[in-house]
Amino acid sequence: MPDNTTLDRAMGALAGGALGDALGMPTQLLSPARIAELYGHVEDFVAPFADHPVSKGLLAGTITDDTEQALLLGRILIESGDSFDHARWVNALLEWEREVKARGSYDLLGPSTKRAIDAINNGVPAEEAGRSGDTNGAAMRIAPVGIMMPLGPLDAFVGKVAETCRATHNTSIAIASAAAVAAAVSSGVSGGDWRAASGSAVAAARRAATLGHWVTGGDIAARIVWAQELVRGKALGDAIRLITELVGTGVASQESVPAAFAVLEVAGGDPWQAAVISANLGGDTDTIGAIAAGMAGACIGFSRLPQDRIACLKGINMAQIRELAADLVAARTSNGRVGRTGSGKDAA
């Protein structure tokens, strides 16, 4: 049976990510000025405006692909057992893509994941499909790896991250970004605060930067350190301006992932504040919010998240969140090894 505190922090990572995702859903792809014009200052769930480029028709509080793919990856990790099952993961992504298309939401897919899925559909081997994936899709869904894997030994930890990235984001930048986020989550699940989580993230990103296909771009570990130092001690308005103007909030890993760590710094580790700050940044608000609030949630636990806001989330089942979190924690206590028949129903 998982330790209650560990399970609480595991659930905090998943539910915190969902909060950040859903709060940023109606503001994604918009400029800060357009967000203010349409919604004012976003500090609670709102419905997207009628002609939103990707979120139109969704209800306030609805999660997007950030959360859906994280939960999907978590379940595949449990079903895979000792060695990550790439075929199972690719097939799950393809089935998920079909469901997303049926809902009319294909444009919610990130560019690297969309490109890799299209390539796989066209017969490209999964191990080759992700060789150009350098955007933030791997980092946005990586939290389950951080829940399942202890940080040490670090080579094994970043190796597991890289395995899950291979089909869609098999590049040095994407793997380093995902490793940073997963390490922050793992640190939180093990009892670390958000500052310790940030330090673990930098160490993991440095180690992971040698993996995958090399692509050009700023070093993720260095940019995380720089982004957090850039906003440290600044007034909220100044910090937000620095994130949007200098760090960047686009889908590129070297923008959005350091931006999420800067948000974590500005929010002082508070998951809801991280979600609120992210939602008003402009750009890839839902992904930045999912990453930042998910890392913060891992560091404080589900029980300290705003329960009234969690109750307003749509498209997510909290009983399933608890079950998945329990399965991942059970795998963590066996050092990342779990059989295909592991059940969080018993553990929870």
Protein backbone atom coordinates (compact mmCIF):
# COMPACT_ATOMS: atom_id res chain seq x y z
CA MET A 1 0.00 0.00 0.00
CA PRO A 2 1.47 3.39 -0.94
CA ASP A 3 2.44 5.78 1.85
CA ASN A 4 -0.39 8.31 2.20
CA THR A 5 1.91 11.32 1.87
CA THR A 6 3.57 9.91 -1.24
CA LEU A 7 0.21 9.10 -2.80
CA ASP A 8 -1.06 12.58 -1.93
CA ARG A 9 1.89 14.18 -3.71
CA ALA A 10 1.49 11.88 -6.70
CA MET A 11 -2.14 12.89 -6.99
CA GLY A 12 -1.07 16.51 -6.53
CA ALA A 13 1.16 16.27 -9.60
CA LEU A 14 -1.64 14.92 -11.80
CA ALA A 15 -4.44 17.13 -10.46
CA GLY A 16 -2.23 20.22 -10.34
CA GLY A 17 -1.35 19.68 -13.97
CA ALA A 18 -5.04 19.41 -14.83
CA LEU A 19 -5.77 22.71 -13.06
CA GLY A 20 -3.08 24.54 -15.01
CA ASP A 21 -4.18 22.93 -18.25
CA ALA A 22 -7.86 23.79 -17.84
CA LEU A 23 -7.24 27.35 -16.66
CA GLY A 24 -5.01 28.01 -19.69
CA MET A 25 -7.33 26.30 -22.17
CA PRO A 26 -9.29 29.44 -23.22
CA THR A 27 -6.20 31.67 -23.38
CA GLN A 28 -3.82 29.44 -25.35
CA LEU A 29 -2.36 30.90 -28.55
CA LEU A 30 -3.57 34.40 -27.65
CA SER A 31 -1.43 37.45 -26.86
CA PRO A 32 -1.47 38.90 -23.34
CA ALA A 33 -3.30 41.97 -24.70
CA ARG A 34 -5.95 39.82 -26.39
CA ILE A 35 -6.42 37.79 -23.21
CA ALA A 36 -6.99 40.96 -21.21
CA GLU A 37 -9.38 42.31 -23.84
CA LEU A 38 -11.48 39.13 -23.95
CA TYR A 39 -11.41 37.91 -20.37
CA GLY A 40 -9.84 40.57 -18.18
CA HIS A 41 -7.41 39.01 -15.70
CA VAL A 42 -8.06 35.26 -15.75
CA GLU A 43 -8.18 33.91 -12.21
CA ASP A 44 -10.89 31.26 -12.51
CA PHE A 45 -12.15 28.91 -15.19
CA VAL A 46 -13.76 30.65 -18.17
CA ALA A 47 -15.21 29.42 -21.44
CA PRO A 48 -13.28 30.23 -24.62
CA PHE A 49 -14.69 32.90 -26.90
CA ALA A 50 -16.85 31.67 -29.77
CA ASP A 51 -14.19 31.81 -32.48
CA HIS A 52 -11.21 30.58 -30.48
CA PRO A 53 -8.71 29.01 -32.91
CA VAL A 54 -8.46 25.65 -31.06
CA SER A 55 -10.65 25.70 -27.94
CA LYS A 56 -13.99 26.86 -29.34
CA GLY A 57 -16.96 24.96 -27.97
CA LEU A 58 -15.22 23.68 -24.83
CA LEU A 59 -16.82 24.31 -21.45
CA ALA A 60 -15.05 26.30 -18.76
CA GLY A 61 -12.75 24.03 -16.76
CA THR A 62 -12.21 21.49 -19.55
CA ILE A 63 -8.83 19.75 -19.71
CA THR A 64 -6.99 19.38 -23.03
CA ASP A 65 -4.40 17.11 -24.61
CA ASP A 66 -1.84 18.03 -21.93
CA THR A 67 -3.75 16.16 -19.23
CA GLU A 68 -5.20 13.48 -21.49
CA GLN A 69 -1.78 12.45 -22.80
CA ALA A 70 -0.26 12.48 -19.31
CA LEU A 71 -2.92 10.08 -18.06
CA LEU A 72 -2.53 7.94 -21.17
CA LEU A 73 1.24 7.75 -20.71
CA GLY A 74 0.79 6.85 -17.06
CA ARG A 75 -1.46 3.92 -17.91
CA ILE A 76 0.94 2.67 -20.62
CA LEU A 77 3.82 2.85 -18.12
CA ILE A 78 1.88 0.59 -15.75
CA GLU A 79 0.83 -1.82 -18.50
CA SER A 80 4.37 -2.01 -19.92
CA GLY A 81 5.98 -3.61 -16.90
CA ASP A 82 9.77 -3.49 -16.65
CA SER A 83 10.46 -2.26 -20.18
CA PHE A 84 8.48 0.54 -21.82
CA ASP A 85 6.24 -0.92 -24.53
CA HIS A 86 6.74 1.35 -27.54
CA ALA A 87 4.22 -0.49 -29.70
CA ARG A 88 1.56 -0.22 -27.00
CA TRP A 89 2.32 3.48 -26.56
CA VAL A 90 2.20 4.24 -30.28
CA ASN A 91 -1.04 2.31 -30.69
CA ALA A 92 -2.53 4.12 -27.71
CA LEU A 93 -1.52 7.47 -29.21
CA LEU A 94 -3.04 6.52 -32.55
CA GLU A 95 -6.29 5.45 -30.91
CA TRP A 96 -6.32 8.63 -28.83
CA GLU A 97 -5.74 10.66 -31.98
CA ARG A 98 -8.77 9.04 -33.61
CA GLU A 99 -10.91 9.91 -30.60
CA VAL A 100 -9.62 13.50 -30.61
CA LYS A 101 -10.43 13.83 -34.31
CA ALA A 102 -13.93 12.46 -33.68
CA ARG A 103 -14.41 15.21 -31.10
CA GLY A 104 -13.27 17.79 -33.64
CA SER A 105 -10.20 18.76 -31.62
CA TYR A 106 -7.28 17.64 -33.78
CA ASP A 107 -5.81 21.14 -33.75
CA LEU A 108 -5.15 20.75 -30.02
CA LEU A 109 -2.31 18.37 -30.82
CA GLY A 110 1.19 19.80 -30.56
CA PRO A 111 3.25 20.05 -33.75
CA SER A 112 5.79 17.34 -32.91
CA THR A 113 3.21 14.81 -31.75
CA LYS A 114 0.97 15.57 -34.72
CA ARG A 115 3.89 15.21 -37.15
CA ALA A 116 5.03 11.92 -35.57
CA ILE A 117 1.53 10.42 -35.53
CA ASP A 118 1.05 11.35 -39.18
CA ALA A 119 4.42 9.78 -39.99
CA ILE A 120 3.56 6.56 -38.15
CA ASN A 121 0.21 6.48 -39.96
CA ASN A 122 2.19 6.69 -43.22
CA GLY A 123 4.39 3.73 -42.32
CA VAL A 124 7.43 5.42 -40.78
CA PRO A 125 8.87 3.23 -37.96
CA ALA A 126 8.11 4.61 -34.51
CA GLU A 127 11.80 4.85 -33.63
CA GLU A 128 12.31 7.23 -36.57
CA ALA A 129 9.09 9.23 -36.29
CA GLY A 130 10.28 11.34 -33.37
CA ARG A 131 13.75 12.31 -34.59
CA SER A 132 12.72 15.94 -35.28
CA GLY A 133 10.36 16.42 -32.34
CA ASP A 134 11.78 19.33 -30.34
CA THR A 135 8.67 21.03 -28.96
CA ASN A 136 7.14 20.70 -25.49
CA GLY A 137 4.77 17.75 -25.95
CA ALA A 138 7.03 15.30 -24.13
CA ALA A 139 7.52 17.66 -21.19
CA MET A 140 3.79 18.39 -20.88
CA ARG A 141 2.86 14.71 -20.33
CA ILE A 142 5.93 13.41 -18.49
CA ALA A 143 4.67 13.73 -14.88
CA PRO A 144 3.79 10.01 -14.56
CA VAL A 145 7.45 9.08 -15.13
CA GLY A 146 8.41 11.42 -12.30
CA ILE A 147 5.83 9.77 -10.05
CA MET A 148 6.92 6.24 -10.97
CA MET A 149 10.71 6.68 -10.96
CA PRO A 150 12.92 7.70 -8.02
CA LEU A 151 15.63 10.19 -8.99
CA GLY A 152 18.47 7.83 -8.30
CA PRO A 153 20.31 6.44 -10.08
CA LEU A 154 20.04 9.46 -12.36
CA ASP A 155 21.12 7.57 -15.49
CA ALA A 156 18.24 5.12 -15.06
CA PHE A 157 15.85 7.99 -14.44
CA VAL A 158 16.74 9.97 -17.57
CA GLY A 159 16.89 6.71 -19.52
CA LYS A 160 13.25 6.01 -18.71
CA VAL A 161 12.32 9.57 -19.70
CA ALA A 162 14.15 9.14 -23.02
CA GLU A 163 12.34 5.84 -23.68
CA THR A 164 8.95 7.50 -23.42
CA CYS A 165 10.06 10.33 -25.74
CA ARG A 166 11.36 8.17 -28.57
CA ALA A 167 8.29 7.89 -30.79
CA THR A 168 7.44 11.60 -30.89
CA HIS A 169 10.23 13.69 -29.28
CA ASN A 170 13.50 11.85 -29.79
CA THR A 171 15.72 14.95 -29.65
CA SER A 172 18.22 16.26 -27.14
CA ILE A 173 16.19 19.37 -26.37
CA ALA A 174 12.87 17.59 -25.90
CA ILE A 175 14.36 14.83 -23.75
CA ALA A 176 16.25 17.32 -21.57
CA SER A 177 13.05 19.33 -21.14
CA ALA A 178 11.01 16.26 -20.22
CA ALA A 179 13.74 15.08 -17.85
CA ALA A 180 13.71 18.44 -16.06
CA VAL A 181 9.95 18.33 -15.49
CA ALA A 182 9.95 14.64 -14.50
CA ALA A 183 12.79 15.25 -12.04
CA ALA A 184 10.95 18.14 -10.43
CA VAL A 185 7.89 15.92 -10.00
CA SER A 186 9.96 13.04 -8.64
CA SER A 187 11.65 15.35 -6.16
CA GLY A 188 8.27 16.59 -4.99
CA VAL A 189 6.83 13.09 -4.65
CA SER A 190 9.81 12.12 -2.50
CA GLY A 191 9.16 15.05 -0.16
CA GLY A 192 11.15 17.91 -1.67
CA ASP A 193 9.87 21.47 -1.83
CA TRP A 194 9.72 23.46 -5.07
CA ARG A 195 13.23 24.83 -4.65
CA ALA A 196 14.69 21.34 -4.27
CA ALA A 197 12.59 20.27 -7.24
CA SER A 198 14.12 23.03 -9.36
CA GLY A 199 17.62 21.92 -8.46
CA SER A 200 16.83 18.31 -9.34
CA ALA A 201 15.38 19.48 -12.65
CA VAL A 202 18.58 21.25 -13.66
CA ALA A 203 20.73 18.20 -12.83
CA ALA A 204 18.44 15.89 -14.82
CA ALA A 205 18.31 18.23 -17.81
CA ARG A 206 22.10 18.40 -17.92
CA ARG A 207 22.37 14.61 -17.91
CA ALA A 208 19.61 14.11 -20.48
CA ALA A 209 20.96 16.67 -22.95
CA THR A 210 23.30 14.02 -24.39
CA LEU A 211 20.42 11.71 -25.37
CA GLY A 212 18.36 11.58 -28.56
CA HIS A 213 19.11 13.27 -31.86
CA TRP A 214 20.98 16.55 -31.39
CA VAL A 215 19.14 19.65 -32.57
CA THR A 216 20.03 23.30 -32.32
CA GLY A 217 18.71 25.41 -29.48
CA GLY A 218 19.62 26.86 -26.11
CA ASP A 219 20.70 24.47 -23.34
CA ILE A 220 17.62 23.59 -21.27
CA ALA A 221 19.39 23.35 -17.91
CA ALA A 222 21.10 26.71 -18.41
CA ARG A 223 17.89 28.35 -19.54
CA ILE A 224 15.96 27.06 -16.51
CA VAL A 225 18.58 28.54 -14.17
CA TRP A 226 18.62 31.80 -16.12
CA ALA A 227 14.81 32.09 -16.26
CA GLN A 228 14.43 31.59 -12.53
CA GLU A 229 17.20 34.04 -11.73
CA LEU A 230 15.65 36.54 -14.14
CA VAL A 231 12.38 36.75 -12.19
CA ARG A 232 13.63 36.12 -8.65
CA GLY A 233 12.61 38.91 -6.30
CA LYS A 234 10.81 40.87 -9.00
CA ALA A 235 7.35 42.39 -8.61
CA LEU A 236 4.64 40.23 -10.18
CA GLY A 237 3.98 42.51 -13.16
CA ASP A 238 7.68 42.90 -13.92
CA ALA A 239 8.24 39.15 -13.62
CA ILE A 240 5.42 38.36 -16.03
CA ARG A 241 6.76 40.89 -18.53
CA LEU A 242 10.22 39.34 -18.34
CA ILE A 243 8.81 35.87 -18.97
CA THR A 244 6.78 36.95 -21.99
CA GLU A 245 9.41 39.25 -23.50
CA LEU A 246 12.65 37.40 -22.77
CA VAL A 247 12.02 33.78 -21.83
CA GLY A 248 9.20 33.30 -24.33
CA THR A 249 5.96 31.35 -24.13
CA GLY A 250 5.86 29.48 -27.45
CA VAL A 251 5.69 25.73 -28.02
CA ALA A 252 9.48 25.47 -28.41
CA SER A 253 10.89 23.48 -25.50
CA GLN A 254 13.57 26.08 -24.81
CA GLU A 255 10.84 28.73 -24.30
CA SER A 256 7.90 27.10 -22.56
CA VAL A 257 9.76 24.77 -20.20
CA PRO A 258 12.07 27.46 -18.73
CA ALA A 259 8.98 29.71 -18.63
CA ALA A 260 7.20 27.11 -16.49
CA PHE A 261 10.10 27.06 -14.05
CA ALA A 262 10.09 30.86 -13.97
CA VAL A 263 6.37 30.73 -13.18
CA LEU A 264 7.09 28.25 -10.38
CA GLU A 265 9.57 30.78 -8.96
CA VAL A 266 7.17 33.72 -9.22
CA ALA A 267 4.34 31.70 -7.65
CA GLY A 268 6.55 30.62 -4.77
CA GLY A 269 5.55 27.03 -5.35
CA ASP A 270 1.79 27.69 -5.10
CA PRO A 271 0.04 25.52 -7.74
CA TRP A 272 -3.05 27.68 -8.21
CA GLN A 273 -1.01 30.86 -8.46
CA ALA A 274 1.23 29.12 -10.98
CA ALA A 275 -1.87 28.24 -13.02
CA VAL A 276 -3.19 31.81 -12.83
CA ILE A 277 0.11 33.38 -13.83
CA SER A 278 0.48 30.95 -16.74
CA ALA A 279 -3.06 31.54 -18.02
CA ASN A 280 -2.38 35.25 -18.45
CA LEU A 281 1.06 34.98 -20.09
CA GLY A 282 -0.14 34.43 -23.63
CA GLY A 283 1.23 31.80 -25.97
CA ASP A 284 1.15 28.15 -24.90
CA THR A 285 -0.65 28.97 -21.68
CA ASP A 286 -2.27 25.60 -21.06
CA THR A 287 0.99 23.67 -21.39
CA ILE A 288 3.03 26.11 -19.32
CA GLY A 289 0.28 26.03 -16.70
CA ALA A 290 0.07 22.24 -16.74
CA ILE A 291 3.83 21.89 -16.26
CA ALA A 292 4.21 24.60 -13.60
CA ALA A 293 1.12 23.68 -11.56
CA GLY A 294 1.88 19.98 -11.89
CA MET A 295 5.39 20.41 -10.49
CA ALA A 296 4.04 22.62 -7.70
CA GLY A 297 1.27 20.12 -6.97
CA ALA A 298 3.82 17.33 -6.55
CA CYS A 299 5.61 19.45 -3.97
CA ILE A 300 2.59 20.20 -1.77
CA GLY A 301 0.17 17.35 -2.43
CA PHE A 302 -3.41 16.94 -3.57
CA SER A 303 -4.88 17.68 -0.15
CA ARG A 304 -3.50 21.25 -0.29
CA LEU A 305 -4.83 22.01 -3.77
CA PRO A 306 -7.98 24.18 -4.04
CA GLN A 307 -10.68 21.50 -3.82
CA ASP A 308 -13.42 23.86 -5.05
CA ARG A 309 -11.50 24.36 -8.29
CA ILE A 310 -10.80 20.66 -8.68
CA ALA A 311 -14.54 20.02 -8.38
CA CYS A 312 -15.09 22.28 -11.40
CA LEU A 313 -12.73 20.39 -13.72
CA LYS A 314 -14.36 18.75 -16.73
CA GLY A 315 -13.17 15.75 -18.70
CA ILE A 316 -11.35 14.15 -15.79
CA ASN A 317 -12.32 11.49 -13.24
CA MET A 318 -10.68 11.95 -9.85
CA ALA A 319 -11.25 8.31 -8.88
CA GLN A 320 -9.21 7.31 -11.93
CA ILE A 321 -6.56 9.86 -10.98
CA ARG A 322 -6.26 8.26 -7.57
CA GLU A 323 -6.08 4.78 -9.07
CA LEU A 324 -3.37 5.74 -11.54
CA ALA A 325 -1.39 7.63 -8.90
CA ALA A 326 -1.55 4.59 -6.61
CA ASP A 327 -0.32 2.28 -9.38
CA LEU A 328 2.57 4.60 -10.20
CA VAL A 329 3.57 4.96 -6.55
CA ALA A 330 3.44 1.18 -6.14
CA ALA A 331 5.80 0.91 -9.11
CA ARG A 332 8.05 3.55 -7.54
CA THR A 333 8.38 1.58 -4.33
CA SER A 334 9.52 -1.44 -6.37
CA ASN A 335 12.05 0.84 -8.11
CA GLY A 336 9.99 1.38 -11.22
CA ARG A 337 9.07 -2.27 -11.78
CA VAL A 338 5.43 -3.27 -11.89
CA GLY A 339 3.61 -6.12 -13.54
CA ARG A 340 0.99 -5.67 -16.22
CA THR A 341 -1.73 -6.56 -13.76
CA GLY A 342 -0.89 -3.96 -11.09
CA SER A 343 -4.05 -2.40 -9.69
CA GLY A 344 -4.41 0.91 -7.91
CA LYS A 345 -7.87 -0.20 -6.78
CA ASP A 346 -6.22 -2.43 -4.20
CA ALA A 347 -3.45 0.02 -3.40
CA ALA A 348 -5.82 2.94 -2.96
